[in-house]
Amino acid sequence: MDTQKLSIAIQAFIKKQSTNAAYYEENWNERKERKAYYQSFTKDKLLAMTEEDFLEYISKLWAVLMWGNKKYVVDKLIEDNGFSTLKKQLADLLYGSASVEKRWDIFLKSVKGMGPATISELLSYMNPQEYIVFNKTTILCYGYLGIPNMPKYNYQYTGKKYTEVCAVAKEIASSLKKAGAADSDLLAVDYFLWDEILPLAEKDVPTTDAISISQEPVSARDSRSLHDEIKDKLVDIGKLLGFDSRSEVKIATGAVVDAVWEAKIGNMGKAIYVFEVQSKGSIDSLILNLKKAQSNAAVQAVVAVADEEQLAKIIQESAGVIDEKSLRTWDSEDVLAVYDALVRAHESINKLALVPESF
C-alpha cells in the first residue's frame, strides 16, 4: 500500500470533516441509520420476514440504488431462488459459524441475483468491525493506493479475496484512528474511500487498471463464469435502457440465444436485438445461432460479443453465412465498461427520487 498517498488523503479528509461538519455529519448519520436498521435483525427475525419486509430490507441497500423499480428486483430474486431458500441462505451468510470465506463462496454459488456488492454491504452493516463493502468503488480506491491483484471479473470476487480486502481495510481503519478520525470502523473506511479516495482514483484510472488482476480465464469453469457475467450484464444494460431484456431465449427453431432486448412498437409489433456471447472455444455454434435468429422477422440486428481476437474470427468466418447488414460486433470489455457507466448514471439519477417508489 502507498502509505504516503493514504496519509495525505486521511489528513485532507479530517480537515474537510472539521471545516464542513454539517455535510459529513449528515452523510455519516445516514450510514449509522442503515447500520442500526440491519443490526435490528436477528436470525429468527430474518427468517420470519414477509415478502413486504424483504422488499424494505433490500431496498435500503446502496447496491440496488441503480434500479428505480426495486420491487421488480426483489420479485425476481424471489422467483429465481424461492423465498424460503433465499432467506435461509442469507441467514447462513450473516449469522453462520463458518469462516466468512466459506460463507461467501457458498452464498454466491447458491443464490442468483445477489452479487459481491450486495452481500458485502450487508456483512458490513452487520459487523462493521470485521467487514468492508466490496464493490467497484473499493477496487478503484485500492488501485489508487497501490494495492495489487484486485478482481476484474465477477468470478474473481472469491471469499479468499474478500478476506484479503477486509484485512487491508483494517489497516486503513488503524491509520484513520491514529490520525484522530472520529470514526474508524470499516463502514467509516468505506465512507472515507468514497468521499476522499474515489475522486482521486477516477483521475488516475490508468494506474488503477494496471494493478488489477488482468489475466484472462485459464480454465473452462472460469471461461463459463465470464460468459455468464457478460450475458447477465447485457440483460441488465437492456433493462437500464428500458427494453424488455431477457437471457436464454428461444428466438427461432433450434436457436436459444444468450440475450435479447425487445421493444414493443405500439400495435405494430416489436423490434428485437439478439446477443450471443463468445468467451472461449469454437465459434461455430455462435454463428449458427445468429444465422437462425435472422430468420425471425422481428430481429433488427444480431450482435456477437467477444474479445478483439474472437471478434476478428467471427467476422471472417461468418462472411457469406450471416447477413452482414444486420451483424454487429461488441467488444466484451466495452460491455463491462458500458454497464459500469450506466450503473453510475442511474445511481446518480435515482438519488434525486424523481419518481415515487410506488409509481
Protein backbone atom coordinates (compact mmCIF):
# COMPACT_ATOMS: atom_id res chain seq x y z
CA MET A 1 0.00 0.00 0.00
CA ASP A 2 1.20 3.52 -0.80
CA THR A 3 1.26 4.86 2.74
CA GLN A 4 2.19 8.35 1.60
CA LYS A 5 -0.91 8.64 -0.58
CA LEU A 6 -3.01 7.24 2.24
CA SER A 7 -1.60 9.67 4.82
CA ILE A 8 -2.16 12.71 2.57
CA ALA A 9 -5.73 11.61 1.86
CA ILE A 10 -6.51 11.00 5.55
CA GLN A 11 -5.24 14.44 6.54
CA ALA A 12 -7.33 16.07 3.80
CA PHE A 13 -10.37 14.06 4.86
CA ILE A 14 -10.08 15.01 8.54
CA LYS A 15 -9.58 18.67 7.64
CA LYS A 16 -12.71 18.68 5.46
CA GLN A 17 -14.68 17.00 8.25
CA SER A 18 -13.86 19.87 10.60
CA THR A 19 -14.49 22.67 8.09
CA ASN A 20 -17.74 21.22 6.72
CA ALA A 21 -19.05 19.36 9.76
CA ALA A 22 -22.75 19.51 8.82
CA TYR A 23 -22.20 17.79 5.46
CA TYR A 24 -20.10 14.98 6.94
CA GLU A 25 -22.43 14.50 9.88
CA GLU A 26 -25.42 14.13 7.56
CA ASN A 27 -23.69 11.51 5.42
CA TRP A 28 -22.29 9.61 8.39
CA ASN A 29 -25.67 9.64 10.15
CA GLU A 30 -27.19 8.02 7.07
CA ARG A 31 -24.71 5.16 7.42
CA LYS A 32 -25.40 4.85 11.13
CA GLU A 33 -29.14 4.66 10.48
CA ARG A 34 -28.66 1.89 7.95
CA LYS A 35 -26.36 0.03 10.32
CA ALA A 36 -28.93 0.31 13.14
CA TYR A 37 -31.69 -0.95 10.83
CA TYR A 38 -29.81 -4.06 9.72
CA GLN A 39 -28.45 -4.78 13.18
CA SER A 40 -32.03 -4.76 14.49
CA PHE A 41 -32.48 -8.10 12.72
CA THR A 42 -31.75 -11.42 14.34
CA LYS A 43 -31.53 -14.70 12.52
CA ASP A 44 -35.08 -15.58 13.58
CA LYS A 45 -36.41 -12.18 12.55
CA LEU A 46 -34.79 -12.51 9.14
CA LEU A 47 -36.22 -15.99 8.60
CA ALA A 48 -39.68 -14.71 9.60
CA MET A 49 -39.69 -11.86 7.07
CA THR A 50 -42.66 -11.49 4.75
CA GLU A 51 -42.11 -10.55 1.12
CA GLU A 52 -43.06 -6.96 2.02
CA ASP A 53 -40.44 -6.98 4.80
CA PHE A 54 -37.89 -8.33 2.37
CA LEU A 55 -38.66 -5.56 -0.13
CA GLU A 56 -37.83 -2.96 2.53
CA TYR A 57 -34.75 -4.93 3.62
CA ILE A 58 -33.27 -4.99 0.12
CA SER A 59 -34.44 -1.54 -0.99
CA LYS A 60 -32.31 0.22 1.64
CA LEU A 61 -29.06 -1.09 0.13
CA TRP A 62 -26.79 1.15 -1.92
CA ALA A 63 -26.16 -1.87 -4.15
CA VAL A 64 -29.69 -1.66 -5.60
CA LEU A 65 -29.74 2.12 -5.95
CA MET A 66 -29.34 1.83 -9.73
CA TRP A 67 -32.77 0.23 -10.04
CA GLY A 68 -35.72 2.62 -9.99
CA ASN A 69 -38.25 -0.20 -9.60
CA LYS A 70 -36.85 -2.12 -6.65
CA LYS A 71 -39.95 -4.28 -6.32
CA TYR A 72 -39.14 -5.78 -9.71
CA VAL A 73 -35.64 -6.64 -8.46
CA VAL A 74 -36.96 -8.25 -5.28
CA ASP A 75 -39.70 -10.18 -7.10
CA LYS A 76 -37.05 -11.52 -9.48
CA LEU A 77 -34.84 -12.60 -6.56
CA ILE A 78 -37.75 -14.49 -5.01
CA GLU A 79 -38.77 -16.02 -8.34
CA ASP A 80 -35.25 -17.20 -9.19
CA ASN A 81 -34.32 -18.59 -5.76
CA GLY A 82 -37.51 -19.34 -3.83
CA PHE A 83 -38.29 -17.15 -0.83
CA SER A 84 -37.60 -19.71 1.90
CA THR A 85 -34.32 -20.75 0.30
CA LEU A 86 -33.27 -17.14 -0.18
CA LYS A 87 -33.90 -16.28 3.48
CA LYS A 88 -32.06 -19.41 4.67
CA GLN A 89 -29.03 -18.62 2.53
CA LEU A 90 -29.00 -15.04 3.82
CA ALA A 91 -29.25 -16.26 7.42
CA ASP A 92 -26.32 -18.64 6.86
CA LEU A 93 -24.27 -15.85 5.28
CA LEU A 94 -24.92 -13.28 8.01
CA TYR A 95 -25.22 -15.46 11.13
CA GLY A 96 -23.42 -18.68 10.25
CA SER A 97 -20.50 -20.02 12.26
CA ALA A 98 -18.28 -20.99 9.33
CA SER A 99 -15.49 -18.68 8.15
CA VAL A 100 -16.62 -15.69 6.10
CA GLU A 101 -14.53 -17.05 3.22
CA LYS A 102 -16.62 -20.24 3.16
CA ARG A 103 -19.96 -18.49 3.77
CA TRP A 104 -19.19 -16.01 0.96
CA ASP A 105 -18.35 -18.69 -1.61
CA ILE A 106 -21.36 -20.87 -0.71
CA PHE A 107 -23.77 -17.95 -0.97
CA LEU A 108 -22.51 -16.73 -4.36
CA LYS A 109 -22.69 -20.27 -5.75
CA SER A 110 -26.18 -20.88 -4.34
CA VAL A 111 -28.07 -17.61 -4.89
CA LYS A 112 -28.83 -15.95 -8.20
CA GLY A 113 -29.12 -12.17 -8.44
CA MET A 114 -27.18 -11.07 -5.34
CA GLY A 115 -23.52 -10.35 -6.01
CA PRO A 116 -20.44 -9.26 -4.06
CA ALA A 117 -21.52 -5.61 -3.70
CA THR A 118 -24.86 -6.59 -2.14
CA ILE A 119 -23.67 -9.26 0.26
CA SER A 120 -20.58 -7.33 1.39
CA GLU A 121 -22.77 -4.33 2.17
CA LEU A 122 -25.00 -6.50 4.35
CA LEU A 123 -21.98 -8.03 6.08
CA SER A 124 -20.53 -4.58 6.73
CA TYR A 125 -23.74 -3.32 8.34
CA MET A 126 -23.98 -6.42 10.49
CA ASN A 127 -20.35 -6.36 11.66
CA PRO A 128 -18.50 -3.18 10.62
CA GLN A 129 -15.51 -4.08 12.78
CA GLU A 130 -14.75 -7.04 10.53
CA TYR A 131 -16.25 -6.49 7.07
CA ILE A 132 -15.90 -3.83 4.36
CA VAL A 133 -18.17 -3.04 1.42
CA PHE A 134 -16.56 -4.69 -1.63
CA ASN A 135 -17.59 -3.12 -4.93
CA LYS A 136 -16.18 -1.22 -7.92
CA THR A 137 -15.52 1.80 -5.71
CA THR A 138 -13.42 -0.33 -3.36
CA ILE A 139 -11.40 -1.70 -6.27
CA LEU A 140 -10.76 1.73 -7.78
CA CYS A 141 -9.71 3.14 -4.42
CA TYR A 142 -7.46 0.22 -3.58
CA GLY A 143 -5.90 0.58 -7.00
CA TYR A 144 -5.14 4.23 -6.35
CA LEU A 145 -3.47 3.24 -3.06
CA GLY A 146 -1.25 0.76 -4.87
CA ILE A 147 -2.90 -2.40 -3.54
CA PRO A 148 -2.36 -5.10 -6.21
CA ASN A 149 -4.37 -8.01 -7.56
CA MET A 150 -7.84 -6.55 -7.39
CA PRO A 151 -10.52 -8.53 -9.24
CA LYS A 152 -11.65 -7.57 -12.71
CA TYR A 153 -14.34 -10.16 -13.36
CA ASN A 154 -17.09 -11.43 -11.05
CA TYR A 155 -15.65 -14.94 -10.73
CA GLN A 156 -12.53 -13.37 -9.18
CA TYR A 157 -14.55 -11.98 -6.25
CA THR A 158 -13.87 -15.04 -4.11
CA GLY A 159 -14.23 -15.48 -0.37
CA LYS A 160 -10.43 -15.62 -0.11
CA LYS A 161 -10.12 -12.29 -1.93
CA TYR A 162 -12.79 -10.77 0.32
CA THR A 163 -10.84 -11.69 3.46
CA GLU A 164 -7.74 -10.04 1.94
CA VAL A 165 -9.73 -6.90 1.13
CA CYS A 166 -11.08 -6.76 4.69
CA ALA A 167 -7.56 -7.13 6.10
CA VAL A 168 -6.38 -4.12 4.07
CA ALA A 169 -9.45 -2.15 5.20
CA LYS A 170 -8.47 -2.80 8.82
CA GLU A 171 -5.04 -1.31 8.11
CA ILE A 172 -6.73 1.80 6.72
CA ALA A 173 -9.04 1.91 9.76
CA SER A 174 -6.00 1.81 12.04
CA SER A 175 -4.44 4.72 10.14
CA LEU A 176 -7.67 6.71 10.42
CA LYS A 177 -7.78 6.10 14.16
CA LYS A 178 -4.15 7.11 14.65
CA ALA A 179 -4.77 10.32 12.70
CA GLY A 180 -7.61 11.25 15.05
CA ALA A 181 -10.64 10.40 12.92
CA ALA A 182 -13.85 10.40 14.94
CA ASP A 183 -14.98 7.06 13.46
CA SER A 184 -12.73 4.24 12.31
CA ASP A 185 -14.71 1.04 11.79
CA LEU A 186 -14.86 -0.46 8.28
CA LEU A 187 -18.08 1.36 7.47
CA ALA A 188 -16.15 4.56 8.21
CA VAL A 189 -13.37 3.28 5.93
CA ASP A 190 -15.95 2.83 3.18
CA TYR A 191 -17.10 6.42 3.67
CA PHE A 192 -13.50 7.66 3.57
CA LEU A 193 -12.82 5.74 0.36
CA TRP A 194 -16.00 7.02 -1.29
CA ASP A 195 -15.61 10.65 -0.23
CA GLU A 196 -11.86 11.22 -0.39
CA ILE A 197 -10.12 8.49 -2.41
CA LEU A 198 -12.64 7.82 -5.19
CA PRO A 199 -12.35 11.30 -6.81
CA LEU A 200 -8.56 10.89 -6.82
CA ALA A 201 -8.80 7.34 -8.19
CA GLU A 202 -11.11 8.35 -11.03
CA LYS A 203 -8.46 10.84 -12.20
CA ASP A 204 -5.85 8.11 -12.05
CA VAL A 205 -7.63 5.27 -13.86
CA PRO A 206 -4.64 4.01 -15.94
CA THR A 207 -2.68 3.34 -12.73
CA THR A 208 -5.72 1.73 -11.11
CA ASP A 209 -6.30 -0.58 -14.07
CA ALA A 210 -2.66 -1.58 -14.23
CA ILE A 211 -2.70 -3.26 -10.83
CA SER A 212 -5.97 -5.16 -11.27
CA ILE A 213 -5.98 -8.89 -11.88
CA SER A 214 -5.64 -8.79 -15.65
CA GLN A 215 -5.27 -12.43 -16.65
CA GLU A 216 -7.94 -13.88 -18.90
CA PRO A 217 -9.83 -17.03 -17.84
CA VAL A 218 -7.48 -20.02 -17.79
CA SER A 219 -9.96 -22.82 -17.10
CA ALA A 220 -13.21 -23.93 -18.72
CA ARG A 221 -15.02 -23.06 -15.48
CA ASP A 222 -13.57 -19.53 -15.41
CA SER A 223 -14.42 -19.05 -19.07
CA ARG A 224 -18.01 -20.13 -18.43
CA SER A 225 -18.23 -17.78 -15.46
CA LEU A 226 -17.06 -14.88 -17.61
CA HIS A 227 -19.54 -15.86 -20.33
CA ASP A 228 -22.38 -15.80 -17.79
CA GLU A 229 -21.22 -12.48 -16.33
CA ILE A 230 -21.22 -10.76 -19.72
CA LYS A 231 -24.58 -12.31 -20.57
CA ASP A 232 -26.08 -11.06 -17.29
CA LYS A 233 -24.66 -7.58 -17.84
CA LEU A 234 -26.12 -7.47 -21.36
CA VAL A 235 -29.52 -8.23 -19.81
CA ASP A 236 -29.05 -5.52 -17.18
CA ILE A 237 -27.91 -2.96 -19.76
CA GLY A 238 -31.06 -3.66 -21.76
CA LYS A 239 -33.25 -3.22 -18.66
CA LEU A 240 -31.49 0.01 -17.71
CA LEU A 241 -32.15 1.30 -21.25
CA GLY A 242 -35.84 0.44 -20.96
CA PHE A 243 -36.00 -2.72 -23.04
CA ASP A 244 -37.76 -5.93 -22.09
CA SER A 245 -34.48 -7.75 -21.63
CA ARG A 246 -34.06 -11.49 -21.03
CA SER A 247 -31.48 -14.26 -21.20
CA GLU A 248 -31.60 -17.75 -22.70
CA VAL A 249 -34.40 -17.00 -25.15
CA LYS A 250 -35.64 -19.27 -27.94
CA ILE A 251 -35.65 -16.85 -30.84
CA ALA A 252 -36.18 -19.30 -33.71
CA THR A 253 -36.46 -23.03 -34.30
CA GLY A 254 -33.33 -24.61 -32.87
CA ALA A 255 -31.86 -21.32 -31.66
CA VAL A 256 -31.65 -20.35 -27.99
CA VAL A 257 -29.62 -17.15 -27.73
CA ASP A 258 -27.77 -15.66 -24.76
CA ALA A 259 -29.75 -12.42 -24.51
CA VAL A 260 -32.40 -10.36 -26.28
CA TRP A 261 -33.57 -6.77 -25.99
CA GLU A 262 -37.16 -6.34 -27.05
CA ALA A 263 -39.17 -3.17 -27.64
CA LYS A 264 -42.87 -3.01 -28.48
CA ILE A 265 -43.85 -0.55 -31.19
CA GLY A 266 -47.43 0.42 -30.43
CA ASN A 267 -49.81 -2.05 -32.06
CA MET A 268 -47.41 -2.70 -34.93
CA GLY A 269 -45.33 -5.42 -33.31
CA LYS A 270 -41.90 -5.45 -31.78
CA ALA A 271 -38.24 -4.91 -32.53
CA ILE A 272 -35.76 -7.47 -31.22
CA TYR A 273 -31.99 -7.29 -30.84
CA VAL A 274 -30.17 -10.58 -30.32
CA PHE A 275 -26.87 -11.10 -28.48
CA GLU A 276 -24.56 -14.10 -28.47
CA VAL A 277 -21.51 -14.16 -26.18
CA GLN A 278 -18.26 -15.96 -27.02
CA SER A 279 -15.59 -16.28 -24.34
CA LYS A 280 -13.62 -19.31 -25.48
CA GLY A 281 -13.61 -22.25 -27.88
CA SER A 282 -15.33 -22.88 -31.20
CA ILE A 283 -17.41 -20.08 -32.71
CA ASP A 284 -19.47 -22.37 -34.95
CA SER A 285 -22.47 -22.54 -32.61
CA LEU A 286 -22.48 -18.75 -32.18
CA ILE A 287 -22.56 -18.20 -35.94
CA LEU A 288 -25.28 -20.83 -36.38
CA ASN A 289 -27.44 -19.30 -33.64
CA LEU A 290 -27.12 -15.79 -35.08
CA LYS A 291 -27.96 -17.09 -38.57
CA LYS A 292 -31.10 -18.80 -37.25
CA ALA A 293 -32.05 -15.69 -35.31
CA GLN A 294 -32.03 -13.70 -38.55
CA SER A 295 -34.91 -15.84 -39.77
CA ASN A 296 -37.17 -14.10 -37.21
CA ALA A 297 -38.66 -11.09 -39.00
CA ALA A 298 -38.77 -9.06 -35.77
CA VAL A 299 -34.98 -9.30 -35.31
CA GLN A 300 -33.44 -5.99 -36.33
CA ALA A 301 -29.83 -6.86 -35.58
CA VAL A 302 -27.73 -9.73 -34.25
CA VAL A 303 -24.75 -8.88 -32.07
CA ALA A 304 -21.68 -11.03 -31.47
CA VAL A 305 -19.96 -10.21 -28.16
CA ALA A 306 -16.37 -11.33 -27.57
CA ASP A 307 -12.81 -10.08 -27.21
CA GLU A 308 -10.99 -8.47 -30.12
CA GLU A 309 -9.29 -11.67 -31.25
CA GLN A 310 -12.50 -13.70 -31.25
CA LEU A 311 -14.46 -10.93 -32.96
CA ALA A 312 -11.98 -10.92 -35.84
CA LYS A 313 -12.54 -14.66 -36.29
CA ILE A 314 -16.31 -14.25 -36.11
CA ILE A 315 -16.30 -11.56 -38.80
CA GLN A 316 -14.10 -13.70 -41.05
CA GLU A 317 -15.93 -16.99 -40.59
CA SER A 318 -19.45 -15.52 -40.73
CA ALA A 319 -18.88 -13.87 -44.11
CA GLY A 320 -21.45 -15.22 -46.56
CA VAL A 321 -23.28 -17.05 -43.75
CA ILE A 322 -24.79 -14.19 -41.77
CA ASP A 323 -26.33 -11.15 -43.44
CA GLU A 324 -23.61 -8.52 -42.95
CA LYS A 325 -26.16 -5.68 -42.84
CA SER A 326 -27.65 -6.94 -39.58
CA LEU A 327 -24.49 -8.32 -37.92
CA ARG A 328 -22.93 -6.15 -35.22
CA THR A 329 -19.91 -6.82 -33.02
CA TRP A 330 -19.32 -5.60 -29.46
CA ASP A 331 -16.08 -5.97 -27.54
CA SER A 332 -16.78 -7.69 -24.21
CA GLU A 333 -14.55 -5.15 -22.40
CA ASP A 334 -16.78 -2.38 -23.75
CA VAL A 335 -19.85 -4.22 -22.44
CA LEU A 336 -18.39 -4.22 -18.92
CA ALA A 337 -17.43 -0.53 -19.21
CA VAL A 338 -20.88 0.46 -20.51
CA TYR A 339 -22.53 -1.45 -17.67
CA ASP A 340 -20.42 0.34 -15.06
CA ALA A 341 -21.12 3.74 -16.63
CA LEU A 342 -24.88 3.10 -16.80
CA VAL A 343 -24.96 1.94 -13.19
CA ARG A 344 -23.23 5.11 -12.05
CA ALA A 345 -25.61 7.26 -14.11
CA HIS A 346 -28.73 5.53 -12.78
CA GLU A 347 -27.48 5.64 -9.20
CA SER A 348 -26.98 9.39 -9.52
CA ILE A 349 -30.40 9.95 -11.11
CA ASN A 350 -32.24 7.69 -8.65
CA LYS A 351 -30.77 9.62 -5.72
CA LEU A 352 -32.97 12.51 -6.90
CA ALA A 353 -36.10 10.38 -6.24
CA LEU A 354 -37.86 11.92 -9.23
CA VAL A 355 -40.31 9.02 -9.46
CA PRO A 356 -42.04 7.67 -6.33
CA GLU A 357 -41.12 4.09 -5.47
CA SER A 358 -44.77 3.03 -5.71
CA PHE A 359 -45.24 4.55 -9.20
